[in-house]
């Protein structure tokens, strides 16, 4: 698997993965009405996205940048999406590890995820394995497509 900066030619595949991920209503806090222009602004103009390529196909992506500007800019945050057909093959782990290495190299002191849906078991387990701790629980903050209102975790680790 290769992880590289996303290129303009990756956009359609990335948009498709993102739409697939939000359609499940179980991990990302965005509705199906999320506009392609908003995706482009969030993923291509605001932060430098990276993609995972397996067997010549883009199968995952992440974006990473400062969690907050100015006095909070020493803490990174990231968002990950893995193609549903490729989940369980180590793509998510590779993306998280790559983002942690990149964050460290760019001078960030920590990584924090502000919105990890508590019922997203694979993500929560992976983040814990990679040294993240739940530092806060936001009760009934996510409207899960099947389970109704569920908690959201804030997860953090130092680099």
Protein backbone atom coordinates (compact mmCIF):
# COMPACT_ATOMS: atom_id res chain seq x y z
CA UNK A 1 0.00 0.00 0.00
CA UNK A 2 1.22 3.47 -0.87
CA UNK A 3 0.11 6.64 0.91
CA UNK A 4 0.68 9.82 -1.04
CA UNK A 5 -0.65 13.37 -1.32
CA UNK A 6 -3.98 13.45 -3.12
CA UNK A 7 -3.99 14.70 -6.69
CA UNK A 8 -6.70 16.51 -8.61
CA UNK A 9 -7.38 13.27 -10.49
CA UNK A 10 -8.28 11.55 -7.20
CA UNK A 11 -11.13 13.92 -6.47
CA UNK A 12 -14.01 11.92 -7.94
CA UNK A 13 -12.99 8.73 -6.13
CA UNK A 14 -12.54 10.64 -2.87
CA UNK A 15 -15.94 12.32 -3.25
CA UNK A 16 -17.50 8.92 -3.90
CA UNK A 17 -15.90 7.41 -0.78
CA UNK A 18 -17.03 10.37 1.29
CA UNK A 19 -20.62 10.12 0.02
CA UNK A 20 -20.57 6.38 0.76
CA UNK A 21 -19.30 7.05 4.30
CA UNK A 22 -21.91 9.67 5.15
CA UNK A 23 -24.73 7.57 3.68
CA UNK A 24 -24.24 4.97 6.43
CA UNK A 25 -25.03 7.61 9.10
CA UNK A 26 -22.81 5.82 11.61
CA UNK A 27 -19.47 7.63 11.75
CA UNK A 28 -19.36 11.12 10.23
CA UNK A 29 -21.60 14.00 11.34
CA UNK A 30 -22.58 15.07 7.84
CA UNK A 31 -25.90 14.63 6.04
CA UNK A 32 -26.41 13.24 2.58
CA UNK A 33 -27.08 16.77 1.36
CA UNK A 34 -23.40 17.69 1.93
CA UNK A 35 -22.43 19.59 -1.23
CA UNK A 36 -19.53 18.68 -3.48
CA UNK A 37 -18.29 22.30 -3.27
CA UNK A 38 -18.17 22.05 0.52
CA UNK A 39 -16.26 18.77 0.28
CA UNK A 40 -13.77 20.36 -2.10
CA UNK A 41 -13.27 23.30 0.26
CA UNK A 42 -12.87 21.10 3.35
CA UNK A 43 -10.70 18.41 1.79
CA UNK A 44 -8.70 20.11 -0.96
CA UNK A 45 -8.47 23.80 -0.18
CA UNK A 46 -8.23 23.89 3.62
CA UNK A 47 -5.84 21.00 4.27
CA UNK A 48 -3.53 18.79 2.21
CA UNK A 49 -5.31 15.44 1.87
CA UNK A 50 -3.51 12.13 1.46
CA UNK A 51 -4.80 8.93 -0.11
CA UNK A 52 -4.04 5.25 0.35
CA UNK A 53 -3.52 3.37 -2.91
CA UNK A 54 -3.80 -0.41 -2.96
CA UNK A 55 -3.38 -2.40 -6.16
CA UNK A 56 -3.57 0.81 -8.19
CA UNK A 57 -6.84 1.96 -6.63
CA UNK A 58 -7.52 4.75 -4.12
CA UNK A 59 -9.02 2.95 -1.11
CA UNK A 60 -8.77 5.48 1.70
CA UNK A 61 -8.02 9.07 2.53
CA UNK A 62 -7.31 11.48 5.33
CA UNK A 63 -6.96 15.18 5.91
CA UNK A 64 -4.94 16.63 8.74
CA UNK A 65 -4.21 20.08 10.07
CA UNK A 66 -4.29 22.19 13.20
CA UNK A 67 -7.14 21.37 15.56
CA UNK A 68 -7.60 25.10 16.15
CA UNK A 69 -5.79 28.21 14.92
CA UNK A 70 -3.37 30.37 16.83
CA UNK A 71 -2.97 29.26 20.46
CA UNK A 72 -4.34 25.77 19.70
CA UNK A 73 -2.35 25.23 16.52
CA UNK A 74 0.21 22.93 18.17
CA UNK A 75 -2.41 20.14 18.32
CA UNK A 76 -3.32 18.35 15.09
CA UNK A 77 -6.63 16.82 14.14
CA UNK A 78 -7.50 14.49 11.29
CA UNK A 79 -10.43 12.86 9.54
CA UNK A 80 -10.20 9.45 7.87
CA UNK A 81 -12.37 7.64 5.34
CA UNK A 82 -11.79 4.08 4.11
CA UNK A 83 -13.62 2.55 1.16
CA UNK A 84 -16.24 0.16 2.56
CA UNK A 85 -15.07 -2.72 0.34
CA UNK A 86 -11.54 -2.41 1.74
CA UNK A 87 -12.30 -2.09 5.45
CA UNK A 88 -10.59 -4.65 7.66
CA UNK A 89 -7.44 -4.80 5.50
CA UNK A 90 -5.27 -2.37 7.49
CA UNK A 91 -5.97 0.70 5.40
CA UNK A 92 -7.33 2.73 8.33
CA UNK A 93 -4.38 1.82 10.53
CA UNK A 94 -1.92 2.78 7.78
CA UNK A 95 -3.65 6.13 7.30
CA UNK A 96 -3.66 6.93 11.02
CA UNK A 97 -0.01 5.93 11.42
CA UNK A 98 0.94 8.02 8.39
CA UNK A 99 -0.90 11.05 9.76
CA UNK A 100 0.79 10.66 13.15
CA UNK A 101 4.23 10.56 11.52
CA UNK A 102 3.35 13.56 9.39
CA UNK A 103 2.00 15.50 12.37
CA UNK A 104 5.19 14.82 14.32
CA UNK A 105 7.35 15.87 11.36
CA UNK A 106 5.33 19.08 10.97
CA UNK A 107 5.96 20.00 14.61
CA UNK A 108 2.61 19.20 16.18
CA UNK A 109 2.81 18.10 19.83
CA UNK A 110 -0.39 16.07 19.99
CA UNK A 111 -3.25 14.69 17.91
CA UNK A 112 -6.86 15.13 18.98
CA UNK A 113 -10.06 13.83 17.45
CA UNK A 114 -13.01 15.99 18.48
CA UNK A 115 -15.82 13.79 17.17
CA UNK A 116 -15.41 10.00 17.38
CA UNK A 117 -18.81 8.31 17.40
CA UNK A 118 -18.80 5.98 20.41
CA UNK A 119 -20.55 3.18 18.51
CA UNK A 120 -17.91 3.19 15.75
CA UNK A 121 -16.18 0.21 17.37
CA UNK A 122 -13.46 -0.36 14.76
CA UNK A 123 -12.31 3.28 14.87
CA UNK A 124 -12.41 3.52 18.67
CA UNK A 125 -10.46 0.25 19.01
CA UNK A 126 -7.86 1.32 16.44
CA UNK A 127 -7.32 4.71 18.04
CA UNK A 128 -6.90 3.09 21.47
CA UNK A 129 -4.36 0.59 20.05
CA UNK A 130 -2.42 3.53 18.64
CA UNK A 131 -2.24 5.27 22.01
CA UNK A 132 -5.27 7.53 22.01
CA UNK A 133 -7.32 7.93 25.16
CA UNK A 134 -10.90 9.08 25.58
CA UNK A 135 -10.55 12.43 27.33
CA UNK A 136 -14.17 13.44 27.11
CA UNK A 137 -17.61 12.09 26.34
CA UNK A 138 -20.27 14.25 24.74
CA UNK A 139 -23.61 12.66 25.64
CA UNK A 140 -26.12 11.95 22.88
CA UNK A 141 -24.31 14.24 20.45
CA UNK A 142 -24.58 12.12 17.27
CA UNK A 143 -27.83 11.18 15.57
CA UNK A 144 -26.97 7.63 14.48
CA UNK A 145 -28.95 6.39 11.48
CA UNK A 146 -29.99 3.13 13.22
CA UNK A 147 -29.41 3.65 16.95
CA UNK A 148 -30.73 7.14 17.50
CA UNK A 149 -28.79 9.49 19.77
CA UNK A 150 -25.38 8.13 20.79
CA UNK A 151 -22.37 9.55 22.61
CA UNK A 152 -19.33 11.06 20.93
CA UNK A 153 -15.78 10.74 22.26
CA UNK A 154 -13.00 13.30 22.25
CA UNK A 155 -9.79 11.28 21.86
CA UNK A 156 -6.23 12.54 22.36
CA UNK A 157 -2.62 11.42 22.39
CA UNK A 158 0.71 13.16 22.61
CA UNK A 159 3.15 12.72 19.77
